[in-house]
Amino acid sequence: MEFTIETIRLSEKQKQQLSTLKRKTGIENWNVLCRWALCMSLAEETVPAFEDIPSNSNVEMSWKVFAGEYSEVYLALLREAYQKQKAHLVGVPFTDFFKLHLNRGISYFINNHTL
């Protein structure tokens, strides 16, 4: 099994949530908000709930753009979390595991009322 990510395409719901976060925070770049969201989810010990997350928006970025100069660090964090949590997500591929964490992180971020 290959543990890499080439392209990230957001759902329409994620796009709307990130647009709201852009307005609230003043942070203009999708990738920066997504990185923070991913870290928020990975900081949790629990496994994100499985759901089918569509890739139906026009927001798409490469892994290199998403992760920037720390792409190897983010990938290592994801790989470690996947190894720890994969028993609870039988049959979930690595790329879907990433999408679940990103989705949960965006939800945490949007529901953070201290922004």
N, C-alpha and C. Protein backbone atom coordinates (compact mmCIF):
# COMPACT_ATOMS: atom_id res chain seq x y z
N MET A 1 0.84 -1.18 0.00
CA MET A 1 0.00 0.00 0.00
C MET A 1 0.89 1.25 0.00
N GLU A 2 0.54 2.18 -0.83
CA GLU A 2 1.31 3.42 -0.95
C GLU A 2 0.74 4.48 -0.01
N PHE A 3 1.61 5.08 0.78
CA PHE A 3 1.19 6.10 1.74
C PHE A 3 1.60 7.49 1.28
N THR A 4 1.05 7.89 0.14
CA THR A 4 1.31 9.23 -0.38
C THR A 4 -0.01 9.88 -0.78
N ILE A 5 0.05 11.17 -0.95
CA ILE A 5 -1.11 11.93 -1.39
C ILE A 5 -0.63 12.84 -2.51
N GLU A 6 -1.32 12.82 -3.62
CA GLU A 6 -0.91 13.64 -4.76
C GLU A 6 -1.71 14.94 -4.83
N THR A 7 -3.03 14.80 -4.75
CA THR A 7 -3.92 15.95 -4.95
C THR A 7 -5.01 15.96 -3.88
N ILE A 8 -5.34 17.15 -3.44
CA ILE A 8 -6.42 17.34 -2.47
C ILE A 8 -7.50 18.15 -3.16
N ARG A 9 -8.69 17.60 -3.19
CA ARG A 9 -9.85 18.33 -3.72
C ARG A 9 -10.89 18.36 -2.62
N LEU A 10 -11.34 19.57 -2.29
CA LEU A 10 -12.27 19.74 -1.20
C LEU A 10 -13.71 19.51 -1.63
N SER A 11 -14.55 19.21 -0.65
CA SER A 11 -15.99 19.12 -0.90
C SER A 11 -16.54 20.54 -0.94
N GLU A 12 -17.74 20.67 -1.45
CA GLU A 12 -18.39 21.98 -1.49
C GLU A 12 -18.63 22.50 -0.07
N LYS A 13 -19.00 21.60 0.84
CA LYS A 13 -19.21 21.99 2.24
C LYS A 13 -17.92 22.50 2.86
N GLN A 14 -16.81 21.80 2.62
CA GLN A 14 -15.52 22.23 3.14
C GLN A 14 -15.13 23.58 2.56
N LYS A 15 -15.39 23.77 1.30
CA LYS A 15 -15.09 25.04 0.64
C LYS A 15 -15.85 26.18 1.32
N GLN A 16 -17.13 25.98 1.59
CA GLN A 16 -17.94 27.01 2.25
C GLN A 16 -17.42 27.27 3.67
N GLN A 17 -17.08 26.21 4.39
CA GLN A 17 -16.57 26.37 5.75
C GLN A 17 -15.25 27.14 5.75
N LEU A 18 -14.36 26.80 4.82
CA LEU A 18 -13.08 27.48 4.74
C LEU A 18 -13.25 28.94 4.30
N SER A 19 -14.22 29.21 3.45
CA SER A 19 -14.51 30.60 3.07
C SER A 19 -14.92 31.41 4.30
N THR A 20 -15.72 30.81 5.16
CA THR A 20 -16.11 31.46 6.41
C THR A 20 -14.88 31.70 7.29
N LEU A 21 -14.02 30.70 7.39
CA LEU A 21 -12.81 30.84 8.19
C LEU A 21 -11.88 31.91 7.63
N LYS A 22 -11.82 32.01 6.31
CA LYS A 22 -11.00 33.05 5.70
C LYS A 22 -11.49 34.43 6.13
N ARG A 23 -12.79 34.62 6.14
CA ARG A 23 -13.36 35.90 6.56
C ARG A 23 -13.11 36.16 8.05
N LYS A 24 -13.30 35.13 8.88
CA LYS A 24 -13.15 35.29 10.34
C LYS A 24 -11.70 35.55 10.75
N THR A 25 -10.78 34.86 10.11
CA THR A 25 -9.37 34.90 10.54
C THR A 25 -8.53 35.89 9.75
N GLY A 26 -8.95 36.23 8.54
CA GLY A 26 -8.12 37.07 7.68
C GLY A 26 -7.03 36.29 6.97
N ILE A 27 -7.00 34.99 7.16
CA ILE A 27 -6.02 34.14 6.48
C ILE A 27 -6.55 33.86 5.08
N GLU A 28 -5.79 34.23 4.08
CA GLU A 28 -6.26 34.17 2.70
C GLU A 28 -6.03 32.83 2.01
N ASN A 29 -5.09 32.05 2.48
CA ASN A 29 -4.71 30.84 1.74
C ASN A 29 -5.41 29.59 2.25
N TRP A 30 -6.05 28.88 1.31
CA TRP A 30 -6.73 27.63 1.63
C TRP A 30 -5.78 26.65 2.32
N ASN A 31 -4.55 26.55 1.78
CA ASN A 31 -3.62 25.53 2.26
C ASN A 31 -3.24 25.76 3.72
N VAL A 32 -3.08 27.01 4.13
CA VAL A 32 -2.73 27.30 5.52
C VAL A 32 -3.87 26.88 6.45
N LEU A 33 -5.09 27.24 6.09
CA LEU A 33 -6.24 26.84 6.90
C LEU A 33 -6.37 25.32 6.96
N CYS A 34 -6.14 24.67 5.84
CA CYS A 34 -6.23 23.20 5.80
C CYS A 34 -5.15 22.55 6.66
N ARG A 35 -3.97 23.09 6.66
CA ARG A 35 -2.90 22.55 7.50
C ARG A 35 -3.28 22.64 8.97
N TRP A 36 -3.80 23.79 9.38
CA TRP A 36 -4.21 23.96 10.77
C TRP A 36 -5.32 22.97 11.11
N ALA A 37 -6.26 22.82 10.20
CA ALA A 37 -7.38 21.90 10.43
C ALA A 37 -6.87 20.46 10.57
N LEU A 38 -5.97 20.07 9.70
CA LEU A 38 -5.41 18.72 9.78
C LEU A 38 -4.74 18.50 11.13
N CYS A 39 -3.95 19.46 11.58
CA CYS A 39 -3.25 19.33 12.86
C CYS A 39 -4.23 19.28 14.02
N MET A 40 -5.31 20.03 13.94
CA MET A 40 -6.32 19.99 15.00
C MET A 40 -6.91 18.59 15.12
N SER A 41 -7.16 17.95 14.00
CA SER A 41 -7.73 16.60 14.04
C SER A 41 -6.70 15.57 14.48
N LEU A 42 -5.48 15.67 13.97
CA LEU A 42 -4.44 14.71 14.34
C LEU A 42 -4.07 14.79 15.82
N ALA A 43 -4.31 15.93 16.43
CA ALA A 43 -4.02 16.09 17.86
C ALA A 43 -4.95 15.26 18.73
N GLU A 44 -6.07 14.85 18.19
CA GLU A 44 -7.03 14.01 18.91
C GLU A 44 -6.58 12.55 18.85
N GLU A 45 -6.76 11.85 19.94
CA GLU A 45 -6.41 10.42 19.97
C GLU A 45 -7.49 9.56 19.30
N THR A 46 -8.69 10.09 19.19
CA THR A 46 -9.80 9.31 18.65
C THR A 46 -9.73 9.26 17.13
N VAL A 47 -10.38 8.24 16.61
CA VAL A 47 -10.46 8.05 15.17
C VAL A 47 -11.63 8.88 14.63
N PRO A 48 -11.44 9.60 13.53
CA PRO A 48 -12.58 10.35 12.97
C PRO A 48 -13.67 9.40 12.50
N ALA A 49 -14.90 9.83 12.63
CA ALA A 49 -16.02 9.02 12.16
C ALA A 49 -15.93 8.86 10.65
N PHE A 50 -16.24 7.65 10.17
CA PHE A 50 -16.19 7.43 8.73
C PHE A 50 -17.40 8.07 8.07
N GLU A 51 -17.15 8.74 6.99
CA GLU A 51 -18.22 9.26 6.14
C GLU A 51 -17.68 9.40 4.73
N ASP A 52 -18.58 9.35 3.79
CA ASP A 52 -18.20 9.52 2.40
C ASP A 52 -18.11 11.02 2.13
N ILE A 53 -16.91 11.50 1.86
CA ILE A 53 -16.69 12.93 1.65
C ILE A 53 -16.48 13.16 0.16
N PRO A 54 -17.43 13.84 -0.47
CA PRO A 54 -17.29 14.06 -1.92
C PRO A 54 -16.18 15.07 -2.22
N SER A 55 -15.64 14.97 -3.39
CA SER A 55 -14.64 15.94 -3.87
C SER A 55 -15.32 16.75 -4.96
N ASN A 56 -16.32 17.52 -4.57
CA ASN A 56 -17.20 18.14 -5.57
C ASN A 56 -17.08 19.66 -5.67
N SER A 57 -16.01 20.23 -5.14
CA SER A 57 -15.84 21.67 -5.30
C SER A 57 -14.76 21.94 -6.35
N ASN A 58 -14.56 23.21 -6.61
CA ASN A 58 -13.53 23.58 -7.58
C ASN A 58 -12.21 23.94 -6.88
N VAL A 59 -12.12 23.67 -5.57
CA VAL A 59 -10.89 23.94 -4.83
C VAL A 59 -10.04 22.68 -4.83
N GLU A 60 -8.90 22.79 -5.49
CA GLU A 60 -7.98 21.66 -5.61
C GLU A 60 -6.56 22.17 -5.45
N MET A 61 -5.74 21.39 -4.77
CA MET A 61 -4.33 21.74 -4.62
C MET A 61 -3.49 20.48 -4.59
N SER A 62 -2.27 20.62 -5.00
CA SER A 62 -1.34 19.49 -4.93
C SER A 62 -0.90 19.31 -3.48
N TRP A 63 -0.36 18.14 -3.18
CA TRP A 63 0.16 17.90 -1.85
C TRP A 63 1.27 18.90 -1.53
N LYS A 64 2.09 19.21 -2.50
CA LYS A 64 3.20 20.15 -2.30
C LYS A 64 2.68 21.53 -1.89
N VAL A 65 1.60 21.98 -2.52
CA VAL A 65 1.00 23.27 -2.15
C VAL A 65 0.35 23.15 -0.78
N PHE A 66 -0.38 22.07 -0.55
CA PHE A 66 -1.05 21.86 0.75
C PHE A 66 -0.04 21.93 1.89
N ALA A 67 1.02 21.14 1.79
CA ALA A 67 1.94 20.95 2.91
C ALA A 67 3.13 21.90 2.90
N GLY A 68 3.43 22.49 1.77
CA GLY A 68 4.54 23.44 1.70
C GLY A 68 5.88 22.79 2.00
N GLU A 69 6.75 23.59 2.59
CA GLU A 69 8.12 23.12 2.83
C GLU A 69 8.19 22.00 3.88
N TYR A 70 7.11 21.79 4.60
CA TYR A 70 7.09 20.74 5.63
C TYR A 70 6.30 19.50 5.18
N SER A 71 6.26 19.28 3.89
CA SER A 71 5.46 18.17 3.36
C SER A 71 5.85 16.83 3.95
N GLU A 72 7.15 16.60 4.15
CA GLU A 72 7.59 15.33 4.72
C GLU A 72 7.16 15.18 6.18
N VAL A 73 7.11 16.28 6.90
CA VAL A 73 6.69 16.24 8.30
C VAL A 73 5.20 15.90 8.38
N TYR A 74 4.39 16.60 7.59
CA TYR A 74 2.94 16.32 7.59
C TYR A 74 2.68 14.88 7.16
N LEU A 75 3.39 14.41 6.16
CA LEU A 75 3.20 13.05 5.68
C LEU A 75 3.61 12.04 6.76
N ALA A 76 4.69 12.31 7.47
CA ALA A 76 5.12 11.41 8.55
C ALA A 76 4.08 11.38 9.67
N LEU A 77 3.52 12.53 10.02
CA LEU A 77 2.47 12.58 11.05
C LEU A 77 1.25 11.77 10.62
N LEU A 78 0.86 11.93 9.37
CA LEU A 78 -0.28 11.17 8.84
C LEU A 78 -0.01 9.67 8.83
N ARG A 79 1.18 9.29 8.40
CA ARG A 79 1.52 7.86 8.35
C ARG A 79 1.49 7.25 9.75
N GLU A 80 2.04 7.97 10.72
CA GLU A 80 2.05 7.46 12.09
C GLU A 80 0.62 7.32 12.62
N ALA A 81 -0.21 8.32 12.39
CA ALA A 81 -1.60 8.26 12.85
C ALA A 81 -2.34 7.12 12.15
N TYR A 82 -2.07 6.94 10.86
CA TYR A 82 -2.72 5.85 10.11
C TYR A 82 -2.35 4.50 10.70
N GLN A 83 -1.09 4.31 11.01
CA GLN A 83 -0.65 3.04 11.59
C GLN A 83 -1.33 2.79 12.93
N LYS A 84 -1.51 3.84 13.73
CA LYS A 84 -2.15 3.70 15.04
C LYS A 84 -3.66 3.47 14.93
N GLN A 85 -4.30 4.07 13.94
CA GLN A 85 -5.76 4.09 13.89
C GLN A 85 -6.38 3.16 12.85
N LYS A 86 -5.57 2.57 11.98
CA LYS A 86 -6.14 1.80 10.87
C LYS A 86 -6.95 0.59 11.31
N ALA A 87 -6.67 0.04 12.47
CA ALA A 87 -7.45 -1.11 12.95
C ALA A 87 -8.91 -0.73 13.19
N HIS A 88 -9.16 0.55 13.47
CA HIS A 88 -10.52 1.04 13.71
C HIS A 88 -11.22 1.48 12.43
N LEU A 89 -10.47 1.50 11.34
CA LEU A 89 -11.01 1.94 10.05
C LEU A 89 -10.68 0.89 8.99
N VAL A 90 -11.18 -0.30 9.19
CA VAL A 90 -10.88 -1.42 8.30
C VAL A 90 -11.29 -1.09 6.87
N GLY A 91 -10.35 -1.25 5.98
CA GLY A 91 -10.63 -1.04 4.56
C GLY A 91 -10.59 0.41 4.11
N VAL A 92 -10.19 1.33 4.99
CA VAL A 92 -10.12 2.74 4.61
C VAL A 92 -8.72 3.03 4.07
N PRO A 93 -8.63 3.40 2.81
CA PRO A 93 -7.32 3.71 2.23
C PRO A 93 -6.70 4.96 2.86
N PHE A 94 -5.40 5.09 2.72
CA PHE A 94 -4.65 6.20 3.31
C PHE A 94 -5.20 7.56 2.87
N THR A 95 -5.51 7.70 1.59
CA THR A 95 -6.01 9.00 1.11
C THR A 95 -7.37 9.33 1.73
N ASP A 96 -8.21 8.34 1.94
CA ASP A 96 -9.50 8.58 2.61
C ASP A 96 -9.30 8.90 4.09
N PHE A 97 -8.31 8.25 4.70
CA PHE A 97 -7.96 8.54 6.09
C PHE A 97 -7.58 10.03 6.22
N PHE A 98 -6.78 10.50 5.29
CA PHE A 98 -6.41 11.92 5.26
C PHE A 98 -7.66 12.80 5.14
N LYS A 99 -8.55 12.44 4.22
CA LYS A 99 -9.77 13.23 4.01
C LYS A 99 -10.64 13.27 5.27
N LEU A 100 -10.71 12.15 5.99
CA LEU A 100 -11.49 12.11 7.23
C LEU A 100 -10.91 13.05 8.28
N HIS A 101 -9.59 13.05 8.40
CA HIS A 101 -8.95 13.94 9.37
C HIS A 101 -9.09 15.41 8.95
N LEU A 102 -8.92 15.68 7.68
CA LEU A 102 -9.07 17.06 7.21
C LEU A 102 -10.50 17.54 7.45
N ASN A 103 -11.45 16.70 7.15
CA ASN A 103 -12.85 17.06 7.33
C ASN A 103 -13.17 17.33 8.81
N ARG A 104 -12.71 16.43 9.69
CA ARG A 104 -12.95 16.63 11.12
C ARG A 104 -12.26 17.90 11.61
N GLY A 105 -11.05 18.14 11.15
CA GLY A 105 -10.32 19.34 11.55
C GLY A 105 -11.00 20.62 11.11
N ILE A 106 -11.54 20.63 9.90
CA ILE A 106 -12.27 21.81 9.42
C ILE A 106 -13.51 22.02 10.30
N SER A 107 -14.17 20.94 10.65
CA SER A 107 -15.35 21.06 11.53
C SER A 107 -14.96 21.62 12.90
N TYR A 108 -13.86 21.14 13.46
CA TYR A 108 -13.38 21.67 14.74
C TYR A 108 -13.08 23.16 14.61
N PHE A 109 -12.39 23.51 13.54
CA PHE A 109 -11.96 24.88 13.31
C PHE A 109 -13.17 25.82 13.16
N ILE A 110 -14.14 25.41 12.37
CA ILE A 110 -15.31 26.26 12.12
C ILE A 110 -16.16 26.42 13.38
N ASN A 111 -16.12 25.42 14.25
CA ASN A 111 -16.91 25.47 15.48
C ASN A 111 -16.15 26.06 16.67
N ASN A 112 -14.94 26.53 16.42
CA ASN A 112 -14.15 27.18 17.47
C ASN A 112 -14.66 28.60 17.63
N HIS A 113 -15.33 28.85 18.71
CA HIS A 113 -15.99 30.15 18.91
C HIS A 113 -15.06 31.22 19.46
N THR A 114 -13.78 30.89 19.62
CA THR A 114 -12.83 31.90 20.10
C THR A 114 -12.17 32.65 18.96
N LEU A 115 -12.54 32.33 17.73
CA LEU A 115 -11.95 33.03 16.58
C LEU A 115 -12.47 34.44 16.47
